[in-house]
PDB file of N, CA and C in Angstrom:
ATOM      1  N   MET A   1      -2.777 312.760  14.674  1.00  0.00           N
ATOM      2  CA  MET A   1      -2.205 313.137  17.022  1.00  0.00           C
ATOM      3  C   MET A   1      -3.702 313.950  17.269  1.00  0.00           C
ATOM      4  N   ASN A   2      -3.386 313.866  17.958  1.00  0.00           N
ATOM      5  CA  ASN A   2      -4.746 313.549  19.375  1.00  0.00           C
ATOM      6  C   ASN A   2      -5.413 315.179  19.812  1.00  0.00           C
ATOM      7  N   LYS A   3      -5.959 314.713  20.129  1.00  0.00           N
ATOM      8  CA  LYS A   3      -6.509 316.158  20.189  1.00  0.00           C
ATOM      9  C   LYS A   3      -6.843 316.882  21.290  1.00  0.00           C
ATOM     10  N   ARG A   4      -6.156 318.198  21.871  1.00  0.00           N
ATOM     11  CA  ARG A   4      -5.906 318.666  23.083  1.00  0.00           C
ATOM     12  C   ARG A   4      -7.286 318.959  23.280  1.00  0.00           C
ATOM     13  N   ALA A   5      -8.288 319.664  22.337  1.00  0.00           N
ATOM     14  CA  ALA A   5      -9.540 320.048  23.306  1.00  0.00           C
ATOM     15  C   ALA A   5     -10.511 319.264  22.696  1.00  0.00           C
ATOM     16  N   TYR A   6     -12.003 319.050  23.162  1.00  0.00           N
ATOM     17  CA  TYR A   6     -12.674 318.915  23.606  1.00  0.00           C
ATOM     18  C   TYR A   6     -14.330 319.212  22.205  1.00  0.00           C
ATOM     19  N   THR A   7     -15.069 319.403  21.600  1.00  0.00           N
ATOM     20  CA  THR A   7     -16.219 319.907  22.086  1.00  0.00           C
ATOM     21  C   THR A   7     -17.375 319.906  23.497  1.00  0.00           C
ATOM     22  N   GLU A   8     -18.463 319.956  23.373  1.00  0.00           N
ATOM     23  CA  GLU A   8     -19.572 319.912  24.442  1.00  0.00           C
ATOM     24  C   GLU A   8     -19.621 318.321  23.930  1.00  0.00           C
ATOM     25  N   ARG A   9     -19.953 318.402  23.118  1.00  0.00           N
ATOM     26  CA  ARG A   9     -20.477 316.588  22.379  1.00  0.00           C
ATOM     27  C   ARG A   9     -19.545 315.747  22.806  1.00  0.00           C
ATOM     28  N   GLU A  10     -18.600 316.111  22.576  1.00  0.00           N
ATOM     29  CA  GLU A  10     -16.665 315.385  22.559  1.00  0.00           C
ATOM     30  C   GLU A  10     -16.512 314.786  23.903  1.00  0.00           C
ATOM     31  N   ALA A  11     -16.797 316.066  24.974  1.00  0.00           N
ATOM     32  CA  ALA A  11     -16.278 315.661  26.352  1.00  0.00           C
ATOM     33  C   ALA A  11     -17.450 315.009  27.077  1.00  0.00           C
ATOM     34  N   ALA A  12     -18.722 315.169  26.961  1.00  0.00           N
ATOM     35  CA  ALA A  12     -19.024 314.397  26.715  1.00  0.00           C
ATOM     36  C   ALA A  12     -19.392 312.861  27.296  1.00  0.00           C
ATOM     37  N   ALA A  13     -18.785 312.599  25.658  1.00  0.00           N
ATOM     38  CA  ALA A  13     -18.711 310.754  24.921  1.00  0.00           C
ATOM     39  C   ALA A  13     -17.917 310.756  25.843  1.00  0.00           C
ATOM     40  N   TYR A  14     -16.305 312.131  26.187  1.00  0.00           N
ATOM     41  CA  TYR A  14     -14.930 310.914  26.947  1.00  0.00           C
ATOM     42  C   TYR A  14     -15.213 311.096  28.307  1.00  0.00           C
ATOM     43  N   VAL A  15     -16.395 311.504  28.780  1.00  0.00           N
ATOM     44  CA  VAL A  15     -16.476 310.848  30.481  1.00  0.00           C
ATOM     45  C   VAL A  15     -17.566 310.661  30.612  1.00  0.00           C
ATOM     46  N   GLY A  16     -18.898 309.959  29.388  1.00  0.00           N
ATOM     47  CA  GLY A  16     -19.565 309.242  29.375  1.00  0.00           C
ATOM     48  C   GLY A  16     -21.238 309.837  30.074  1.00  0.00           C
ATOM     49  N   LEU A  17     -21.147 311.366  30.292  1.00  0.00           N
ATOM     50  CA  LEU A  17     -22.278 312.273  30.304  1.00  0.00           C
ATOM     51  C   LEU A  17     -22.455 312.915  28.911  1.00  0.00           C
ATOM     52  N   SER A  18     -24.476 313.102  29.549  1.00  0.00           N
ATOM     53  CA  SER A  18     -25.259 313.815  28.807  1.00  0.00           C
ATOM     54  C   SER A  18     -24.070 314.982  28.187  1.00  0.00           C
ATOM     55  N   ALA A  19     -24.244 315.611  26.549  1.00  0.00           N
ATOM     56  CA  ALA A  19     -24.286 317.284  26.570  1.00  0.00           C
ATOM     57  C   ALA A  19     -24.407 318.120  27.725  1.00  0.00           C
ATOM     58  N   ARG A  20     -25.811 317.102  28.328  1.00  0.00           N
ATOM     59  CA  ARG A  20     -26.724 318.769  28.714  1.00  0.00           C
ATOM     60  C   ARG A  20     -26.465 318.467  29.907  1.00  0.00           C
ATOM     61  N   THR A  21     -26.342 317.070  30.769  1.00  0.00           N
ATOM     62  CA  THR A  21     -24.864 317.136  32.136  1.00  0.00           C
ATOM     63  C   THR A  21     -24.418 317.932  32.314  1.00  0.00           C
ATOM     64  N   LEU A  22     -23.223 317.814  31.141  1.00  0.00           N
ATOM     65  CA  LEU A  22     -22.293 319.046  30.989  1.00  0.00           C
ATOM     66  C   LEU A  22     -22.261 320.577  31.748  1.00  0.00           C
ATOM     67  N   ARG A  23     -23.950 320.443  30.265  1.00  0.00           N
ATOM     68  CA  ARG A  23     -24.267 322.531  30.592  1.00  0.00           C
ATOM     69  C   ARG A  23     -24.996 321.990  32.014  1.00  0.00           C
ATOM     70  N   ASP A  24     -25.584 321.328  32.180  1.00  0.00           N
ATOM     71  CA  ASP A  24     -25.857 321.739  34.070  1.00  0.00           C
ATOM     72  C   ASP A  24     -24.699 322.249  34.968  1.00  0.00           C
ATOM     73  N   LEU A  25     -23.128 320.689  34.812  1.00  0.00           N
ATOM     74  CA  LEU A  25     -22.938 321.108  35.765  1.00  0.00           C
ATOM     75  C   LEU A  25     -21.604 322.862  35.446  1.00  0.00           C
ATOM     76  N   ARG A  26     -21.880 322.473  34.905  1.00  0.00           N
ATOM     77  CA  ARG A  26     -20.935 324.639  33.703  1.00  0.00           C
ATOM     78  C   ARG A  26     -21.846 324.952  34.233  1.00  0.00           C
ATOM     79  N   ALA A  27     -22.918 325.264  34.303  1.00  0.00           N
ATOM     80  CA  ALA A  27     -24.233 326.287  34.914  1.00  0.00           C
ATOM     81  C   ALA A  27     -23.447 326.811  36.227  1.00  0.00           C
ATOM     82  N   ARG A  28     -23.874 325.070  36.988  1.00  0.00           N
ATOM     83  CA  ARG A  28     -23.888 325.154  38.723  1.00  0.00           C
ATOM     84  C   ARG A  28     -22.426 325.593  39.415  1.00  0.00           C
ATOM     85  N   ASP A  29     -21.254 325.233  38.286  1.00  0.00           N
ATOM     86  CA  ASP A  29     -19.768 325.706  38.638  1.00  0.00           C
ATOM     87  C   ASP A  29     -19.599 327.327  38.438  1.00  0.00           C
ATOM     88  N   LEU A  30     -20.032 328.081  37.840  1.00  0.00           N
ATOM     89  CA  LEU A  30     -20.429 329.491  37.756  1.00  0.00           C
ATOM     90  C   LEU A  30     -20.560 329.638  39.327  1.00  0.00           C
ATOM     91  N   GLU A  31     -21.718 329.358  39.489  1.00  0.00           N
ATOM     92  CA  GLU A  31     -22.156 329.638  40.623  1.00  0.00           C
ATOM     93  C   GLU A  31     -21.278 329.152  41.986  1.00  0.00           C
ATOM     94  N   HIS A  32     -20.295 328.219  41.418  1.00  0.00           N
ATOM     95  CA  HIS A  32     -19.467 327.881  43.121  1.00  0.00           C
ATOM     96  C   HIS A  32     -18.957 329.022  42.524  1.00  0.00           C
ATOM     97  N   THR A  33     -17.614 329.263  41.868  1.00  0.00           N
ATOM     98  CA  THR A  33     -16.560 329.907  41.058  1.00  0.00           C
ATOM     99  C   THR A  33     -17.013 331.245  42.072  1.00  0.00           C
ATOM    100  N   ARG A  34     -18.079 332.076  42.008  1.00  0.00           N
ATOM    101  CA  ARG A  34     -18.183 333.564  42.927  1.00  0.00           C
ATOM    102  C   ARG A  34     -18.169 333.045  43.898  1.00  0.00           C
ATOM    103  N   ARG A  35     -18.519 331.813  44.494  1.00  0.00           N
ATOM    104  CA  ARG A  35     -18.840 331.584  46.121  1.00  0.00           C
ATOM    105  C   ARG A  35     -16.944 330.901  46.321  1.00  0.00           C
ATOM    106  N   ALA A  36     -16.631 330.920  45.566  1.00  0.00           N
ATOM    107  CA  ALA A  36     -15.191 330.598  46.103  1.00  0.00           C
ATOM    108  C   ALA A  36     -15.085 328.937  47.043  1.00  0.00           C
ATOM    109  N   GLU A  37     -16.206 328.145  46.282  1.00  0.00           N
ATOM    110  CA  GLU A  37     -16.612 326.896  45.871  1.00  0.00           C
ATOM    111  C   GLU A  37     -15.261 325.637  45.124  1.00  0.00           C
ATOM    112  N   ALA A  38     -15.569 324.349  45.178  1.00  0.00           N
ATOM    113  CA  ALA A  38     -14.485 323.605  44.099  1.00  0.00           C
ATOM    114  C   ALA A  38     -15.730 323.360  43.637  1.00  0.00           C
ATOM    115  N   LEU A  39     -15.286 323.179  42.444  1.00  0.00           N
ATOM    116  CA  LEU A  39     -16.060 322.781  41.312  1.00  0.00           C
ATOM    117  C   LEU A  39     -16.316 321.788  40.988  1.00  0.00           C
ATOM    118  N   GLU A  40     -17.978 320.626  40.090  1.00  0.00           N
ATOM    119  CA  GLU A  40     -17.937 319.927  40.014  1.00  0.00           C
ATOM    120  C   GLU A  40     -18.061 318.921  39.458  1.00  0.00           C
ATOM    121  N   GLY A  41     -17.968 319.592  37.960  1.00  0.00           N
ATOM    122  CA  GLY A  41     -17.717 319.807  37.020  1.00  0.00           C
ATOM    123  C   GLY A  41     -15.975 319.501  36.516  1.00  0.00           C
ATOM    124  N   PRO A  42     -15.984 319.193  35.419  1.00  0.00           N
ATOM    125  CA  PRO A  42     -14.601 319.268  34.258  1.00  0.00           C
ATOM    126  C   PRO A  42     -14.303 320.968  34.293  1.00  0.00           C
ATOM    127  N   ALA A  43     -13.547 320.813  34.442  1.00  0.00           N
ATOM    128  CA  ALA A  43     -12.811 322.504  33.831  1.00  0.00           C
ATOM    129  C   ALA A  43     -12.636 323.038  32.256  1.00  0.00           C
ATOM    130  N   TRP A  44     -13.442 324.376  32.155  1.00  0.00           N
ATOM    131  CA  TRP A  44     -14.243 324.381  30.886  1.00  0.00           C
ATOM    132  C   TRP A  44     -13.247 325.731  30.491  1.00  0.00           C
ATOM    133  N   ARG A  45     -13.232 326.002  28.982  1.00  0.00           N
ATOM    134  CA  ARG A  45     -12.911 327.827  28.985  1.00  0.00           C
ATOM    135  C   ARG A  45     -13.979 328.423  27.954  1.00  0.00           C
ATOM    136  N   ARG A  46     -13.912 329.697  28.107  1.00  0.00           N
ATOM    137  CA  ARG A  46     -13.771 329.427  26.542  1.00  0.00           C
ATOM    138  C   ARG A  46     -13.520 330.705  25.758  1.00  0.00           C
ATOM    139  N   LEU A  47     -12.960 329.942  24.822  1.00  0.00           N
ATOM    140  CA  LEU A  47     -12.526 330.204  23.691  1.00  0.00           C
ATOM    141  C   LEU A  47     -13.352 331.303  22.467  1.00  0.00           C
ATOM    142  N   GLY A  48     -13.557 332.878  22.243  1.00  0.00           N
ATOM    143  CA  GLY A  48     -14.319 333.014  21.236  1.00  0.00           C
ATOM    144  C   GLY A  48     -16.065 333.190  22.089  1.00  0.00           C
ATOM    145  N   SER A  49     -17.106 332.256  21.405  1.00  0.00           N
ATOM    146  CA  SER A  49     -18.098 331.441  21.482  1.00  0.00           C
ATOM    147  C   SER A  49     -18.189 330.889  22.085  1.00  0.00           C
ATOM    148  N   ARG A  50     -16.996 330.411  21.591  1.00  0.00           N
ATOM    149  CA  ARG A  50     -17.233 327.875  22.020  1.00  0.00           C
ATOM    150  C   ARG A  50     -16.287 327.809  23.366  1.00  0.00           C
ATOM    151  N   ILE A  51     -17.341 326.708  23.362  1.00  0.00           N
ATOM    152  CA  ILE A  51     -16.621 325.972  25.042  1.00  0.00           C
ATOM    153  C   ILE A  51     -15.839 325.090  24.781  1.00  0.00           C
ATOM    154  N   ARG A  52     -14.637 324.415  25.402  1.00  0.00           N
ATOM    155  CA  ARG A  52     -13.573 324.022  25.316  1.00  0.00           C
ATOM    156  C   ARG A  52     -13.046 323.278  26.829  1.00  0.00           C
ATOM    157  N   TYR A  53     -13.486 321.638  26.263  1.00  0.00           N
ATOM    158  CA  TYR A  53     -12.832 320.896  27.491  1.00  0.00           C
ATOM    159  C   TYR A  53     -11.078 320.768  27.050  1.00  0.00           C
ATOM    160  N   TYR A  54     -10.515 320.958  27.473  1.00  0.00           N
ATOM    161  CA  TYR A  54      -9.318 319.493  27.576  1.00  0.00           C
ATOM    162  C   TYR A  54      -9.390 318.827  28.645  1.00  0.00           C
ATOM    163  N   VAL A  55      -8.771 316.940  27.298  1.00  0.00           N
ATOM    164  CA  VAL A  55      -7.560 316.391  28.246  1.00  0.00           C
ATOM    165  C   VAL A  55      -7.502 316.061  29.522  1.00  0.00           C
ATOM    166  N   GLU A  56      -6.661 317.082  30.094  1.00  0.00           N
ATOM    167  CA  GLU A  56      -6.532 317.246  30.635  1.00  0.00           C
ATOM    168  C   GLU A  56      -7.269 317.099  32.259  1.00  0.00           C
ATOM    169  N   ALA A  57      -8.373 318.399  32.226  1.00  0.00           N
ATOM    170  CA  ALA A  57      -9.186 318.847  32.731  1.00  0.00           C
ATOM    171  C   ALA A  57     -10.224 317.554  33.022  1.00  0.00           C
ATOM    172  N   LEU A  58     -10.529 316.706  32.211  1.00  0.00           N
ATOM    173  CA  LEU A  58     -10.879 315.378  31.632  1.00  0.00           C
ATOM    174  C   LEU A  58     -10.823 314.437  32.431  1.00  0.00           C
ATOM    175  N   ASP A  59      -9.543 313.930  32.045  1.00  0.00           N
ATOM    176  CA  ASP A  59      -9.397 313.213  33.430  1.00  0.00           C
ATOM    177  C   ASP A  59      -8.645 313.609  34.342  1.00  0.00           C
ATOM    178  N   GLU A  60      -9.157 314.612  34.905  1.00  0.00           N
ATOM    179  CA  GLU A  60      -8.576 314.562  36.522  1.00  0.00           C
ATOM    180  C   GLU A  60      -9.921 314.861  37.901  1.00  0.00           C
ATOM    181  N   TYR A  61     -11.251 314.824  36.028  1.00  0.00           N
ATOM    182  CA  TYR A  61     -12.638 314.904  36.386  1.00  0.00           C
ATOM    183  C   TYR A  61     -13.214 313.620  36.404  1.00  0.00           C
ATOM    184  N   LEU A  62     -12.500 313.287  36.207  1.00  0.00           N
ATOM    185  CA  LEU A  62     -13.144 311.445  36.000  1.00  0.00           C
ATOM    186  C   LEU A  62     -11.861 310.236  37.377  1.00  0.00           C
ATOM    187  N   ASP A  63     -11.053 311.791  37.130  1.00  0.00           N
ATOM    188  CA  ASP A  63     -10.061 310.656  38.610  1.00  0.00           C
ATOM    189  C   ASP A  63     -10.976 310.964  39.950  1.00  0.00           C
ATOM    190  N   ARG A  64     -11.336 311.903  39.923  1.00  0.00           N
ATOM    191  CA  ARG A  64     -12.179 313.096  40.961  1.00  0.00           C
ATOM    192  C   ARG A  64     -13.617 311.973  41.272  1.00  0.00           C
ATOM    193  N   ALA A  65     -14.440 311.369  40.204  1.00  0.00           N
ATOM    194  CA  ALA A  65     -15.246 310.813  40.408  1.00  0.00           C
ATOM    195  C   ALA A  65     -15.287 310.149  41.840  1.00  0.00           C
ATOM    196  N   PRO A  66     -16.318 309.862  42.565  1.00  0.00           N
ATOM    197  CA  PRO A  66     -17.113 308.439  43.388  1.00  0.00           C
ATOM    198  C   PRO A  66     -16.368 307.397  42.723  1.00  0.00           C
ATOM    199  N   GLU A  67     -16.282 305.897  43.296  1.00  0.00           N
ATOM    200  CA  GLU A  67     -15.797 304.646  42.971  1.00  0.00           C
ATOM    201  C   GLU A  67     -17.345 303.894  42.683  1.00  0.00           C
ATOM    202  N   GLY A  68     -17.745 303.801  42.269  1.00  0.00           N
ATOM    203  CA  GLY A  68     -19.494 303.136  41.789  1.00  0.00           C
ATOM    204  C   GLY A  68     -20.622 303.996  40.973  1.00  0.00           C
ATOM    205  N   GLY A  69     -19.660 305.492  40.828  1.00  0.00           N
ATOM    206  CA  GLY A  69     -21.247 306.201  40.251  1.00  0.00           C
ATOM    207  C   GLY A  69     -21.456 306.554  41.614  1.00  0.00           C
ATOM    208  N   ALA A  70     -21.865 308.536  41.102  1.00  0.00           N
ATOM    209  CA  ALA A  70     -22.612 309.369  41.212  1.00  0.00           C
ATOM    210  C   ALA A  70     -23.569 308.291  42.263  1.00  0.00           C
ATOM    211  N   CYS A  71     -24.576 308.343  41.348  1.00  0.00           N
ATOM    212  CA  CYS A  71     -25.983 307.292  42.176  1.00  0.00           C
ATOM    213  C   CYS A  71     -25.661 305.965  43.037  1.00  0.00           C
ATOM    214  N   ASP A  72     -24.544 305.547  43.214  1.00  0.00           N
ATOM    215  CA  ASP A  72     -23.633 304.244  44.459  1.00  0.00           C
ATOM    216  C   ASP A  72     -24.214 305.053  45.869  1.00  0.00           C
ATOM    217  N   SER A  73     -24.367 306.528  46.003  1.00  0.00           N
ATOM    218  CA  SER A  73     -24.727 306.954  47.269  1.00  0.00           C
ATOM    219  C   SER A  73     -25.935 307.105  47.578  1.00  0.00           C
ATOM    220  N   LYS A  74     -27.134 306.526  48.658  1.00  0.00           N
ATOM    221  CA  LYS A  74     -28.712 307.111  48.761  1.00  0.00           C
ATOM    222  C   LYS A  74     -28.745 308.717  48.406  1.00  0.00           C
ATOM    223  N   ARG A  75     -27.565 309.293  49.756  1.00  0.00           N
ATOM    224  CA  ARG A  75     -27.919 310.635  50.377  1.00  0.00           C
ATOM    225  C   ARG A  75     -27.728 310.528  49.223  1.00  0.00           C
ATOM    226  N   THR A  76     -26.339 311.018  48.573  1.00  0.00           N
ATOM    227  CA  THR A  76     -26.204 311.501  47.463  1.00  0.00           C
ATOM    228  C   THR A  76     -27.776 311.566  46.661  1.00  0.00           C
ATOM    229  N   ALA A  77     -28.050 310.835  45.940  1.00  0.00           N
ATOM    230  CA  ALA A  77     -29.150 311.523  44.975  1.00  0.00           C
ATOM    231  C   ALA A  77     -30.414 311.407  45.917  1.00  0.00           C
ATOM    232  N   THR A  78     -30.357 311.319  46.308  1.00  0.00           N
ATOM    233  CA  THR A  78     -32.021 311.824  47.467  1.00  0.00           C
ATOM    234  C   THR A  78     -31.572 313.118  48.124  1.00  0.00           C
ATOM    235  N   SER A  79     -30.485 313.486  48.278  1.00  0.00           N
ATOM    236  CA  SER A  79     -30.680 315.331  48.124  1.00  0.00           C
ATOM    237  C   SER A  79     -30.455 315.913  46.798  1.00  0.00           C
ATOM    238  N   GLY A  80     -30.207 315.024  45.603  1.00  0.00           N
ATOM    239  CA  GLY A  80     -30.625 315.587  44.627  1.00  0.00           C
ATOM    240  C   GLY A  80     -31.886 316.213  44.045  1.00  0.00           C
ATOM    241  N   ILE A  81     -32.248 315.229  44.524  1.00  0.00           N
ATOM    242  CA  ILE A  81     -34.481 314.997  44.224  1.00  0.00           C
ATOM    243  C   ILE A  81     -34.831 316.091  45.370  1.00  0.00           C
ATOM    244  N   GLU A  82     -34.495 316.216  46.317  1.00  0.00           N
ATOM    245  CA  GLU A  82     -34.917 316.726  46.805  1.00  0.00           C
ATOM    246  C   GLU A  82     -34.669 318.477  46.922  1.00  0.00           C
ATOM    247  N   ALA A  83     -33.268 318.792  46.098  1.00  0.00           N
ATOM    248  CA  ALA A  83     -33.092 319.690  45.377  1.00  0.00           C
ATOM    249  C   ALA A  83     -33.426 320.520  43.689  1.00  0.00           C
ATOM    250  N   LEU A  84     -34.209 318.940  43.668  1.00  0.00           N
ATOM    251  CA  LEU A  84     -34.737 319.511  42.837  1.00  0.00           C
ATOM    252  C   LEU A  84     -36.697 320.074  42.902  1.00  0.00           C
ATOM    253  N   ARG A  85     -36.866 318.632  43.449  1.00  0.00           N
ATOM    254  CA  ARG A  85     -38.045 319.726  44.086  1.00  0.00           C
ATOM    255  C   ARG A  85     -38.481 321.112  44.487  1.00  0.00           C
ATOM    256  N   ARG A  86     -37.307 321.274  45.682  1.00  0.00           N
ATOM    257  CA  ARG A  86     -37.608 321.655  46.320  1.00  0.00           C
ATOM    258  C   ARG A  86     -37.827 323.529  45.166  1.00  0.00           C
ATOM    259  N   HIS A  87     -36.555 323.202  44.308  1.00  0.00           N
ATOM    260  CA  HIS A  87     -36.609 324.135  43.029  1.00  0.00           C
ATOM    261  C   HIS A  87     -38.163 324.174  41.599  1.00  0.00           C
ATOM    262  N   ARG A  88     -38.940 323.254  42.283  1.00  0.00           N
ATOM    263  CA  ARG A  88     -39.356 323.613  41.133  1.00  0.00           C
ATOM    264  C   ARG A  88     -41.754 323.320  42.768  1.00  0.00           C
ATOM    265  N   GLY A  89     -40.641 323.502  43.222  1.00  0.00           N
ATOM    266  CA  GLY A  89     -42.258 323.625  44.265  1.00  0.00           C
ATOM    267  C   GLY A  89     -42.800 322.980  45.183  1.00  0.00           C
ATOM    268  N   VAL A  90     -42.391 321.988  44.488  1.00  0.00           N
ATOM    269  CA  VAL A  90     -42.812 320.953  44.914  1.00  0.00           C
ATOM    270  C   VAL A  90     -42.841 319.447  45.731  1.00  0.00           C
ATOM    271  N   GLY A  91     -43.886 319.735  46.802  1.00  0.00           N
ATOM    272  CA  GLY A  91     -43.572 318.878  48.251  1.00  0.00           C
ATOM    273  C   GLY A  91     -44.092 319.989  49.334  1.00  0.00           C
ATOM    274  N   SER A  92     -44.134 321.247  49.329  1.00  0.00           N
ATOM    275  CA  SER A  92     -43.663 322.788  50.145  1.00  0.00           C
ATOM    276  C   SER A  92     -44.901 323.592  50.144  1.00  0.00           C
ATOM    277  N   ASP A  93     -44.808 324.584  51.087  1.00  0.00           N
ATOM    278  CA  ASP A  93     -45.583 325.990  51.676  1.00  0.00           C
ATOM    279  C   ASP A  93     -45.629 326.728  50.777  1.00  0.00           C
ATOM    280  N   ALA A  94     -44.899 326.301  49.803  1.00  0.00           N
ATOM    281  CA  ALA A  94     -44.508 327.573  48.498  1.00  0.00           C
ATOM    282  C   ALA A  94     -46.440 328.492  47.785  1.00  0.00           C
ATOM    283  N   PRO A  95     -46.547 328.581  47.738  1.00  0.00           N
ATOM    284  CA  PRO A  95     -47.711 329.279  46.630  1.00  0.00           C
ATOM    285  C   PRO A  95     -47.701 329.002  45.894  1.00  0.00           C
TER     286      PRO A  95
END
């Protein structure tokens, strides 16, 4: 019998990401949901205190991923680095 729902670790292995990346995507998607924006990561559900990812949602996430991977686009990689620097205050005039 195949599983319908995966734990965070199992889901990470399924899509080829780290569990930390899935957690980060989940946190960002909570913000996107509040602003009625499209989600970045795979859909997930909270079952009690546990987070579960359904196989269908993981497959859908993989289907919408850019071909060649996200790092294939220089603009995407650069904008991510710039966002991280802004968050940490690196290279800005912030005190």
